[in-house]
C-alpha atoms as a PDB file:
ATOM      1  CA  MET A   1      14.436 -30.036  -8.378  1.00  0.00           C
ATOM      2  CA  THR A   2      13.753 -28.924 -11.699  1.00  0.00           C
ATOM      3  CA  SER A   3      12.435 -26.900 -14.441  1.00  0.00           C
ATOM      4  CA  ARG A   4       9.422 -25.216 -13.313  1.00  0.00           C
ATOM      5  CA  ALA A   5       7.077 -22.813 -15.845  1.00  0.00           C
ATOM      6  CA  ILE A   6       5.581 -19.888 -13.396  1.00  0.00           C
ATOM      7  CA  GLY A   7       3.819 -17.319 -15.267  1.00  0.00           C
ATOM      8  CA  ALA A   8       5.489 -16.274 -18.421  1.00  0.00           C
ATOM      9  CA  ARG A   9       9.102 -17.330 -17.583  1.00  0.00           C
ATOM     10  CA  SER A  10      10.878 -20.144 -17.222  1.00  0.00           C
ATOM     11  CA  PHE A  11      13.493 -21.196 -14.136  1.00  0.00           C
ATOM     12  CA  ASP A  12      16.096 -24.027 -13.782  1.00  0.00           C
ATOM     13  CA  PHE A  13      16.525 -24.231  -9.767  1.00  0.00           C
ATOM     14  CA  ASP A  14      18.597 -26.821 -10.396  1.00  0.00           C
ATOM     15  CA  ARG A  15      21.326 -23.911 -12.058  1.00  0.00           C
ATOM     16  CA  GLN A  16      19.530 -20.317 -11.158  1.00  0.00           C
ATOM     17  CA  VAL A  17      18.418 -17.940  -8.594  1.00  0.00           C
ATOM     18  CA  ALA A  18      15.495 -16.053  -8.938  1.00  0.00           C
ATOM     19  CA  VAL A  19      15.559 -12.719  -7.318  1.00  0.00           C
ATOM     20  CA  MET A  20      11.769 -11.103  -5.853  1.00  0.00           C
ATOM     21  CA  ALA A  21      11.481  -8.252  -5.469  1.00  0.00           C
ATOM     22  CA  ILE A  22       9.270  -6.206  -2.584  1.00  0.00           C
ATOM     23  CA  VAL A  23       6.858  -3.393  -3.387  1.00  0.00           C
ATOM     24  CA  ASN A  24       4.040  -2.604  -0.884  1.00  0.00           C
ATOM     25  CA  ARG A  25       1.298  -1.126  -0.857  1.00  0.00           C
ATOM     26  CA  THR A  26       1.034  -0.355   2.320  1.00  0.00           C
ATOM     27  CA  PRO A  27       0.662   2.168   4.795  1.00  0.00           C
ATOM     28  CA  ASP A  28       2.327   0.410   7.322  1.00  0.00           C
ATOM     29  CA  SER A  29       5.076  -2.108   6.201  1.00  0.00           C
ATOM     30  CA  PHE A  30       7.751  -3.059   8.274  1.00  0.00           C
ATOM     31  CA  PHE A  31      10.716  -1.617   6.176  1.00  0.00           C
ATOM     32  CA  ASP A  32       9.734   1.313   3.932  1.00  0.00           C
ATOM     33  CA  ARG A  33       6.787   2.342   5.836  1.00  0.00           C
ATOM     34  CA  GLY A  34       4.315   3.640   2.919  1.00  0.00           C
ATOM     35  CA  SER A  35       6.938   4.938   0.482  1.00  0.00           C
ATOM     36  CA  THR A  36       4.722   2.950  -1.844  1.00  0.00           C
ATOM     37  CA  PHE A  37       1.715   3.010  -0.875  1.00  0.00           C
ATOM     38  CA  ALA A  38       0.575   5.375  -3.757  1.00  0.00           C
ATOM     39  CA  LEU A  39      -0.257   3.690  -6.796  1.00  0.00           C
ATOM     40  CA  ASP A  40       2.337   5.310  -9.008  1.00  0.00           C
ATOM     41  CA  ALA A  41       4.819   5.058  -6.463  1.00  0.00           C
ATOM     42  CA  ALA A  42       3.881   1.253  -6.943  1.00  0.00           C
ATOM     43  CA  VAL A  43       4.266   0.725 -10.349  1.00  0.00           C
ATOM     44  CA  GLU A  44       7.107   2.993 -10.548  1.00  0.00           C
ATOM     45  CA  ARG A  45       9.337   1.019  -7.823  1.00  0.00           C
ATOM     46  CA  SER A  46       8.388  -2.523  -9.646  1.00  0.00           C
ATOM     47  CA  LEU A  47       9.041  -1.732 -13.347  1.00  0.00           C
ATOM     48  CA  ALA A  48      12.964  -0.433 -12.039  1.00  0.00           C
ATOM     49  CA  ALA A  49      13.077  -3.634  -9.988  1.00  0.00           C
ATOM     50  CA  VAL A  50      12.481  -5.666 -13.521  1.00  0.00           C
ATOM     51  CA  ASP A  51      15.145  -2.945 -14.913  1.00  0.00           C
ATOM     52  CA  ALA A  52      17.705  -4.142 -11.985  1.00  0.00           C
ATOM     53  CA  GLY A  53      17.500  -7.456 -12.995  1.00  0.00           C
ATOM     54  CA  ALA A  54      14.518  -8.521 -10.587  1.00  0.00           C
ATOM     55  CA  ASP A  55      13.722 -11.965 -12.215  1.00  0.00           C
ATOM     56  CA  TRP A  56      10.136 -11.354 -10.282  1.00  0.00           C
ATOM     57  CA  VAL A  57       8.078  -8.877  -8.411  1.00  0.00           C
ATOM     58  CA  ASP A  58       6.115  -9.888  -4.915  1.00  0.00           C
ATOM     59  CA  VAL A  59       2.722  -7.610  -4.051  1.00  0.00           C
ATOM     60  CA  GLY A  60       1.778  -7.258  -0.722  1.00  0.00           C
ATOM     61  CA  GLY A  61      -1.131  -5.551   0.061  1.00  0.00           C
ATOM     62  CA  VAL A  62      -1.580  -6.595   3.976  1.00  0.00           C
ATOM     63  CA  PRO A  63       1.793  -6.790   6.132  1.00  0.00           C
ATOM     64  CA  PHE A  64       1.659 -10.118   7.872  1.00  0.00           C
ATOM     65  CA  GLY A  65       2.143  -8.713  11.580  1.00  0.00           C
ATOM     66  CA  ARG A  66       0.203  -6.531  14.103  1.00  0.00           C
ATOM     67  CA  GLY A  67      -1.677  -3.342  12.809  1.00  0.00           C
ATOM     68  CA  PRO A  68      -5.714  -2.577  11.800  1.00  0.00           C
ATOM     69  CA  ALA A  69      -7.914  -4.612  10.071  1.00  0.00           C
ATOM     70  CA  VAL A  70      -7.887  -4.305   6.413  1.00  0.00           C
ATOM     71  CA  SER A  71     -11.076  -5.488   4.405  1.00  0.00           C
ATOM     72  CA  VAL A  72     -11.022  -7.740   1.368  1.00  0.00           C
ATOM     73  CA  GLN A  73     -12.272  -4.505  -0.881  1.00  0.00           C
ATOM     74  CA  GLN A  74      -8.999  -2.244   0.593  1.00  0.00           C
ATOM     75  CA  GLU A  75      -6.814  -5.070  -0.229  1.00  0.00           C
ATOM     76  CA  LEU A  76      -8.151  -6.257  -3.884  1.00  0.00           C
ATOM     77  CA  ASP A  77      -8.031  -2.103  -4.171  1.00  0.00           C
ATOM     78  CA  ARG A  78      -3.939  -1.500  -3.000  1.00  0.00           C
ATOM     79  CA  VAL A  79      -2.822  -5.015  -5.208  1.00  0.00           C
ATOM     80  CA  ILE A  80      -4.931  -5.575  -8.288  1.00  0.00           C
ATOM     81  CA  PRO A  81      -4.221  -2.278 -10.063  1.00  0.00           C
ATOM     82  CA  VAL A  82      -0.347  -2.789  -9.866  1.00  0.00           C
ATOM     83  CA  VAL A  83      -0.903  -6.472 -10.670  1.00  0.00           C
ATOM     84  CA  GLU A  84      -2.637  -5.233 -14.282  1.00  0.00           C
ATOM     85  CA  ALA A  85       0.035  -2.378 -14.529  1.00  0.00           C
ATOM     86  CA  ILE A  86       2.644  -4.872 -14.376  1.00  0.00           C
ATOM     87  CA  ARG A  87       1.049  -7.100 -16.375  1.00  0.00           C
ATOM     88  CA  ALA A  88       0.643  -4.362 -18.850  1.00  0.00           C
ATOM     89  CA  ALA A  89       4.321  -3.236 -19.052  1.00  0.00           C
ATOM     90  CA  SER A  90       6.599  -6.765 -18.701  1.00  0.00           C
ATOM     91  CA  ASP A  91       6.883 -10.512 -18.829  1.00  0.00           C
ATOM     92  CA  VAL A  92       8.118 -10.368 -15.699  1.00  0.00           C
ATOM     93  CA  VAL A  93       6.755 -13.045 -13.120  1.00  0.00           C
ATOM     94  CA  VAL A  94       4.084 -11.505 -10.516  1.00  0.00           C
ATOM     95  CA  SER A  95       3.082 -12.871  -7.189  1.00  0.00           C
ATOM     96  CA  VAL A  96       0.888 -11.575  -4.699  1.00  0.00           C
ATOM     97  CA  ASP A  97       1.552 -11.641  -1.232  1.00  0.00           C
ATOM     98  CA  THR A  98      -1.730 -12.918   0.904  1.00  0.00           C
ATOM     99  CA  PHE A  99      -3.402 -15.083   3.050  1.00  0.00           C
ATOM    100  CA  SER A 100      -6.726 -14.517   1.565  1.00  0.00           C
ATOM    101  CA  ALA A 101      -8.670 -16.831  -0.642  1.00  0.00           C
ATOM    102  CA  GLU A 102     -10.574 -13.750  -2.515  1.00  0.00           C
ATOM    103  CA  VAL A 103      -7.871 -11.679  -2.913  1.00  0.00           C
ATOM    104  CA  ALA A 104      -5.559 -14.790  -4.411  1.00  0.00           C
ATOM    105  CA  ARG A 105      -8.487 -15.482  -7.083  1.00  0.00           C
ATOM    106  CA  GLN A 106      -9.280 -12.449  -8.553  1.00  0.00           C
ATOM    107  CA  SER A 107      -4.982 -11.726  -8.277  1.00  0.00           C
ATOM    108  CA  ILE A 108      -4.817 -14.582 -10.403  1.00  0.00           C
ATOM    109  CA  LEU A 109      -7.435 -13.254 -12.958  1.00  0.00           C
ATOM    110  CA  ALA A 110      -5.784  -9.797 -12.640  1.00  0.00           C
ATOM    111  CA  GLY A 111      -2.670 -11.747 -14.061  1.00  0.00           C
ATOM    112  CA  ALA A 112      -0.342 -13.399 -10.911  1.00  0.00           C
ATOM    113  CA  GLY A 113       1.230 -15.922 -11.336  1.00  0.00           C
ATOM    114  CA  VAL A 114       2.056 -16.838  -7.967  1.00  0.00           C
ATOM    115  CA  ILE A 115       0.182 -16.707  -4.751  1.00  0.00           C
ATOM    116  CA  ASN A 116       3.118 -15.853  -2.131  1.00  0.00           C
ATOM    117  CA  ASP A 117       0.583 -17.216   1.363  1.00  0.00           C
ATOM    118  CA  THR A 118       2.568 -16.195   4.584  1.00  0.00           C
ATOM    119  CA  SER A 119       0.002 -17.593   6.709  1.00  0.00           C
ATOM    120  CA  GLY A 120       0.598 -21.512   5.941  1.00  0.00           C
ATOM    121  CA  LEU A 121      -2.949 -21.508   4.237  1.00  0.00           C
ATOM    122  CA  TRP A 122      -4.715 -19.740   6.986  1.00  0.00           C
ATOM    123  CA  ASP A 123      -7.447 -19.337   4.841  1.00  0.00           C
ATOM    124  CA  VAL A 124      -9.187 -23.144   4.097  1.00  0.00           C
ATOM    125  CA  ASP A 125     -10.152 -21.749   0.580  1.00  0.00           C
ATOM    126  CA  MET A 126      -6.722 -21.108  -0.234  1.00  0.00           C
ATOM    127  CA  ALA A 127      -5.485 -24.329  -1.605  1.00  0.00           C
ATOM    128  CA  PRO A 128      -8.848 -24.934  -3.426  1.00  0.00           C
ATOM    129  CA  VAL A 129      -8.697 -21.326  -5.226  1.00  0.00           C
ATOM    130  CA  VAL A 130      -4.810 -21.975  -6.521  1.00  0.00           C
ATOM    131  CA  ALA A 131      -5.594 -25.504  -7.846  1.00  0.00           C
ATOM    132  CA  ALA A 132      -8.552 -24.088  -9.696  1.00  0.00           C
ATOM    133  CA  SER A 133      -5.930 -22.013 -11.279  1.00  0.00           C
ATOM    134  CA  ALA A 134      -2.424 -22.614 -13.405  1.00  0.00           C
ATOM    135  CA  ALA A 135      -0.707 -20.497 -10.504  1.00  0.00           C
ATOM    136  CA  THR A 136       2.257 -21.643  -8.033  1.00  0.00           C
ATOM    137  CA  LEU A 137       1.742 -21.507  -4.301  1.00  0.00           C
ATOM    138  CA  VAL A 138       4.074 -20.476  -1.798  1.00  0.00           C
ATOM    139  CA  LEU A 139       3.475 -22.431   1.491  1.00  0.00           C
ATOM    140  CA  THR A 140       5.214 -20.319   4.431  1.00  0.00           C
ATOM    141  CA  HIS A 141       5.747 -21.718   7.927  1.00  0.00           C
ATOM    142  CA  SER A 142       4.422 -19.133  10.691  1.00  0.00           C
ATOM    143  CA  LEU A 143       2.365 -20.079  13.639  1.00  0.00           C
ATOM    144  CA  ALA A 144       0.012 -17.269  14.398  1.00  0.00           C
ATOM    145  CA  PRO A 145      -3.367 -15.810  13.261  1.00  0.00           C
ATOM    146  CA  PRO A 146      -2.227 -13.208  10.403  1.00  0.00           C
ATOM    147  CA  ARG A 147      -2.104  -9.736  12.470  1.00  0.00           C
ATOM    148  CA  SER A 148      -1.692 -11.206  15.546  1.00  0.00           C
ATOM    149  CA  GLU A 149       1.821 -12.095  15.938  1.00  0.00           C
ATOM    150  CA  PRO A 150       2.862 -13.433  19.339  1.00  0.00           C
ATOM    151  CA  PRO A 151       4.947 -12.177  21.535  1.00  0.00           C
ATOM    152  CA  ARG A 152       7.205 -15.429  22.719  1.00  0.00           C
ATOM    153  CA  PRO A 153       6.832 -18.395  19.988  1.00  0.00           C
ATOM    154  CA  GLU A 154       9.124 -21.439  21.248  1.00  0.00           C
ATOM    155  CA  TYR A 155       9.767 -24.572  19.834  1.00  0.00           C
ATOM    156  CA  THR A 156      11.587 -27.985  20.833  1.00  0.00           C
ATOM    157  CA  ASP A 157      14.183 -27.888  17.614  1.00  0.00           C
ATOM    158  CA  VAL A 158      12.538 -25.081  15.486  1.00  0.00           C
ATOM    159  CA  THR A 159      14.677 -26.359  12.167  1.00  0.00           C
ATOM    160  CA  ALA A 160      12.513 -29.768  12.684  1.00  0.00           C
ATOM    161  CA  ASP A 161       9.239 -28.503  13.811  1.00  0.00           C
ATOM    162  CA  VAL A 162       9.308 -25.899  10.646  1.00  0.00           C
ATOM    163  CA  ILE A 163       9.864 -29.015   8.574  1.00  0.00           C
ATOM    164  CA  ALA A 164       7.446 -30.352   9.670  1.00  0.00           C
ATOM    165  CA  PHE A 165       4.931 -27.911   9.343  1.00  0.00           C
ATOM    166  CA  LEU A 166       5.775 -27.267   5.383  1.00  0.00           C
ATOM    167  CA  GLU A 167       5.544 -31.210   4.702  1.00  0.00           C
ATOM    168  CA  ASN A 168       1.836 -30.882   6.300  1.00  0.00           C
ATOM    169  CA  ARG A 169       0.825 -28.102   4.115  1.00  0.00           C
ATOM    170  CA  VAL A 170       2.307 -29.490   1.070  1.00  0.00           C
ATOM    171  CA  ALA A 171       0.096 -32.437   1.820  1.00  0.00           C
ATOM    172  CA  ARG A 172      -2.960 -30.150   2.191  1.00  0.00           C
ATOM    173  CA  ALA A 173      -2.062 -28.790  -0.638  1.00  0.00           C
ATOM    174  CA  THR A 174      -1.539 -31.748  -3.307  1.00  0.00           C
ATOM    175  CA  ALA A 175      -4.426 -33.422  -1.213  1.00  0.00           C
ATOM    176  CA  ALA A 176      -6.796 -30.048  -2.636  1.00  0.00           C
ATOM    177  CA  GLY A 177      -5.289 -30.841  -5.922  1.00  0.00           C
ATOM    178  CA  ILE A 178      -2.167 -28.392  -6.586  1.00  0.00           C
ATOM    179  CA  PRO A 179       1.058 -30.574  -7.980  1.00  0.00           C
ATOM    180  CA  LEU A 180       4.095 -30.554  -6.249  1.00  0.00           C
ATOM    181  CA  GLU A 181       5.675 -28.781  -9.715  1.00  0.00           C
ATOM    182  CA  ARG A 182       3.623 -25.336  -8.248  1.00  0.00           C
ATOM    183  CA  LEU A 183       4.908 -25.738  -5.071  1.00  0.00           C
ATOM    184  CA  ILE A 184       7.663 -23.785  -3.468  1.00  0.00           C
ATOM    185  CA  VAL A 185       8.074 -23.606   0.583  1.00  0.00           C
ATOM    186  CA  ASP A 186       9.762 -21.171   2.903  1.00  0.00           C
ATOM    187  CA  PRO A 187      10.712 -21.381   6.526  1.00  0.00           C
ATOM    188  CA  GLY A 188       9.958 -17.837   7.226  1.00  0.00           C
ATOM    189  CA  HIS A 189      12.228 -15.803   8.566  1.00  0.00           C
ATOM    190  CA  ASP A 190      11.157 -14.247  11.243  1.00  0.00           C
ATOM    191  CA  LEU A 191       7.733 -14.763  11.328  1.00  0.00           C
ATOM    192  CA  ASN A 192       6.626 -16.285  14.769  1.00  0.00           C
ATOM    193  CA  LYS A 193      10.545 -16.625  15.155  1.00  0.00           C
ATOM    194  CA  ASN A 194      12.932 -14.579  17.690  1.00  0.00           C
ATOM    195  CA  THR A 195      16.542 -14.243  16.375  1.00  0.00           C
ATOM    196  CA  TYR A 196      17.827 -17.559  17.544  1.00  0.00           C
ATOM    197  CA  HIS A 197      14.787 -18.864  15.739  1.00  0.00           C
ATOM    198  CA  SER A 198      16.071 -17.750  12.239  1.00  0.00           C
ATOM    199  CA  LEU A 199      19.801 -17.457  12.477  1.00  0.00           C
ATOM    200  CA  GLU A 200      19.672 -21.235  13.035  1.00  0.00           C
ATOM    201  CA  LEU A 201      17.134 -22.007  10.457  1.00  0.00           C
ATOM    202  CA  THR A 202      19.710 -20.026   8.353  1.00  0.00           C
ATOM    203  CA  ALA A 203      22.422 -22.246   9.688  1.00  0.00           C
ATOM    204  CA  ARG A 204      20.327 -25.109   8.638  1.00  0.00           C
ATOM    205  CA  LEU A 205      18.619 -24.346   5.695  1.00  0.00           C
ATOM    206  CA  GLU A 206      19.792 -27.110   3.705  1.00  0.00           C
ATOM    207  CA  GLU A 207      17.441 -29.467   5.902  1.00  0.00           C
ATOM    208  CA  VAL A 208      14.505 -27.376   4.779  1.00  0.00           C
ATOM    209  CA  VAL A 209      15.642 -27.813   1.307  1.00  0.00           C
ATOM    210  CA  ALA A 210      15.601 -31.612   1.296  1.00  0.00           C
ATOM    211  CA  ILE A 211      12.062 -31.081   0.888  1.00  0.00           C
ATOM    212  CA  GLY A 212      12.338 -31.090  -2.448  1.00  0.00           C
ATOM    213  CA  LEU A 213      11.225 -28.467  -3.265  1.00  0.00           C
ATOM    214  CA  PRO A 214      11.967 -24.635  -4.132  1.00  0.00           C
ATOM    215  CA  THR A 215      13.417 -22.833  -1.013  1.00  0.00           C
ATOM    216  CA  LEU A 216      12.489 -19.381  -1.276  1.00  0.00           C
ATOM    217  CA  VAL A 217      13.905 -17.461   2.071  1.00  0.00           C
ATOM    218  CA  ALA A 218      12.776 -13.345   2.482  1.00  0.00           C
ATOM    219  CA  VAL A 219      15.635 -12.250   5.278  1.00  0.00           C
ATOM    220  CA  SER A 220      15.565  -8.945   3.512  1.00  0.00           C
ATOM    221  CA  ASN A 221      15.641  -6.143   6.549  1.00  0.00           C
ATOM    222  CA  LYS A 222      14.532  -8.383   9.095  1.00  0.00           C
ATOM    223  CA  ASP A 223      14.661  -7.952  12.420  1.00  0.00           C
ATOM    224  CA  PHE A 224      17.082 -10.873  13.215  1.00  0.00           C
ATOM    225  CA  ILE A 225      19.502  -8.900  10.998  1.00  0.00           C
ATOM    226  CA  GLY A 226      19.214  -6.076  13.246  1.00  0.00           C
ATOM    227  CA  GLU A 227      19.465  -7.569  16.648  1.00  0.00           C
ATOM    228  CA  THR A 228      22.495  -9.243  15.438  1.00  0.00           C
ATOM    229  CA  LEU A 229      24.276  -6.281  13.853  1.00  0.00           C
ATOM    230  CA  ASP A 230      22.701  -4.038  15.617  1.00  0.00           C
ATOM    231  CA  ARG A 231      21.664  -1.796  12.699  1.00  0.00           C
ATOM    232  CA  ALA A 232      18.629  -0.218  12.181  1.00  0.00           C
ATOM    233  CA  ARG A 233      15.366  -0.752   9.645  1.00  0.00           C
ATOM    234  CA  GLY A 234      17.560   1.235   6.546  1.00  0.00           C
ATOM    235  CA  GLU A 235      20.819  -0.170   7.364  1.00  0.00           C
ATOM    236  CA  ARG A 236      21.052  -4.018   7.126  1.00  0.00           C
ATOM    237  CA  LEU A 237      21.489  -4.568   3.187  1.00  0.00           C
ATOM    238  CA  GLU A 238      25.181  -5.839   4.307  1.00  0.00           C
ATOM    239  CA  GLY A 239      23.462  -8.208   6.785  1.00  0.00           C
ATOM    240  CA  SER A 240      20.671  -9.207   4.135  1.00  0.00           C
ATOM    241  CA  ILE A 241      23.358  -9.759   1.273  1.00  0.00           C
ATOM    242  CA  ALA A 242      24.998 -12.006   3.876  1.00  0.00           C
ATOM    243  CA  ALA A 243      21.883 -14.122   4.966  1.00  0.00           C
ATOM    244  CA  ALA A 244      20.665 -14.595   1.222  1.00  0.00           C
ATOM    245  CA  VAL A 245      23.998 -15.521   0.447  1.00  0.00           C
ATOM    246  CA  ILE A 246      24.481 -18.709   3.150  1.00  0.00           C
ATOM    247  CA  CYS A 247      21.060 -19.374   2.289  1.00  0.00           C
ATOM    248  CA  ILE A 248      21.977 -20.115  -1.368  1.00  0.00           C
ATOM    249  CA  MET A 249      24.957 -21.920  -0.743  1.00  0.00           C
ATOM    250  CA  LYS A 250      22.464 -23.951   1.651  1.00  0.00           C
ATOM    251  CA  GLY A 251      20.102 -25.038  -1.519  1.00  0.00           C
ATOM    252  CA  ALA A 252      17.484 -21.645  -1.747  1.00  0.00           C
ATOM    253  CA  ARG A 253      16.810 -20.747  -5.143  1.00  0.00           C
ATOM    254  CA  ILE A 254      14.713 -17.666  -4.468  1.00  0.00           C
ATOM    255  CA  ILE A 255      15.566 -15.078  -2.806  1.00  0.00           C
ATOM    256  CA  ARG A 256      12.732 -11.797  -1.520  1.00  0.00           C
ATOM    257  CA  MET A 257      14.969  -9.236  -1.547  1.00  0.00           C
ATOM    258  CA  HIS A 258      14.387  -5.085  -0.844  1.00  0.00           C
ATOM    259  CA  ASP A 259      17.889  -3.654  -3.021  1.00  0.00           C
ATOM    260  CA  VAL A 260      17.457  -5.814  -6.106  1.00  0.00           C
ATOM    261  CA  ARG A 261      20.335  -4.270  -7.877  1.00  0.00           C
ATOM    262  CA  ALA A 262      22.883  -5.546  -4.967  1.00  0.00           C
ATOM    263  CA  ALA A 263      20.628  -8.909  -4.436  1.00  0.00           C
ATOM    264  CA  VAL A 264      21.206  -9.618  -8.336  1.00  0.00           C
ATOM    265  CA  ALA A 265      24.712  -9.314  -8.060  1.00  0.00           C
ATOM    266  CA  ALA A 266      25.119 -11.526  -4.850  1.00  0.00           C
ATOM    267  CA  ALA A 267      23.137 -14.045  -6.524  1.00  0.00           C
ATOM    268  CA  ARG A 268      24.864 -14.328  -9.856  1.00  0.00           C
ATOM    269  CA  MET A 269      28.097 -14.120  -7.951  1.00  0.00           C
ATOM    270  CA  THR A 270      26.812 -16.764  -5.908  1.00  0.00           C
ATOM    271  CA  GLU A 271      25.696 -18.769  -8.886  1.00  0.00           C
ATOM    272  CA  ALA A 272      29.169 -18.616 -10.689  1.00  0.00           C
ATOM    273  CA  VAL A 273      31.395 -19.804  -7.044  1.00  0.00           C
ATOM    274  CA  LEU A 274      28.891 -22.775  -6.759  1.00  0.00           C
ATOM    275  CA  GLY A 275      29.377 -23.337 -10.886  1.00  0.00           C
ATOM    276  CA  LEU A 276      26.216 -22.580 -12.383  1.00  0.00           C
ATOM    277  CA  ARG A 277      26.844 -20.136 -14.331  1.00  0.00           C
ATOM    278  CA  GLU A 278      30.041 -18.859 -16.504  1.00  0.00           C
ATOM    279  CA  PRO A 279      31.614 -15.766 -15.740  1.00  0.00           C
ATOM    280  CA  ALA A 280      29.948 -12.682 -17.898  1.00  0.00           C
ATOM    281  CA  TYR A 281      33.651 -12.825 -19.657  1.00  0.00           C
ATOM    282  CA  ALA A 282      37.275 -14.126 -18.047  1.00  0.00           C
ATOM    283  CA  ILE A 283      40.218 -12.813 -19.312  1.00  0.00           C
ATOM    284  CA  HIS A 284      42.535 -12.122 -16.412  1.00  0.00           C
ATOM    285  CA  ASN A 285      45.452 -13.538 -16.542  1.00  0.00           C
ATOM    286  CA  ARG A 286      44.094 -15.725 -19.646  1.00  0.00           C
ATOM    287  CA  GLU A 287      45.905 -13.487 -22.238  1.00  0.00           C
END
């Protein structure tokens, strides 16, 4: 991995972990249950995340899992004003979590520097749309059509299957004209996976990292953490931080998190342990 220009910022993923904040303009998001559905609330949460140290903000208008249909226009009405407001106030990287090529196209025009496609190129126009821009594309492993997650996913070897899928999507993206330096991969914790699958992916994440592209992990408050620890939504911070740190130790360089302040502290501490950054100061037993 080398330095990446993403939006207005540069990242050296050999020595840096980026923290991606989550802001959902949806009434039915799995974690926040609509707390940032109002435009003012979404913008306020986004800028608070920047103040807390987020490197970029991921804006979503449609959850991945089951739920009522949302039209392209509805999704645009939800995400575009937030992208524009963040872009006007900060140089933070803005990504849009969407599986719609048209939403991706208009989000890029509004100032998004990343398209976070949790469907793994379900929309056949997604790769050409991103290729025609300067945006970065996140390729995520998932199996079912968006909004129709199957109840019992099965794998021969979940990690090997995820890697094969991601390598296939990387090939499709590059064939469409997106250079490797504008691609990121995400194994898709919990997306069409049960708790054992997500735990195994975490334990073997270095195999995903070996694809050779920056690896994003979206582990925050996921059900695999809740089921492992018997913790309800809203009570999974410690497990989320633990999972994120394990993933960083195994090579992940972007963590998608709800609690930005805690995630930034965990990321910076892990960077220091790995020898990627110096402590803010070091006077203990040195004077």
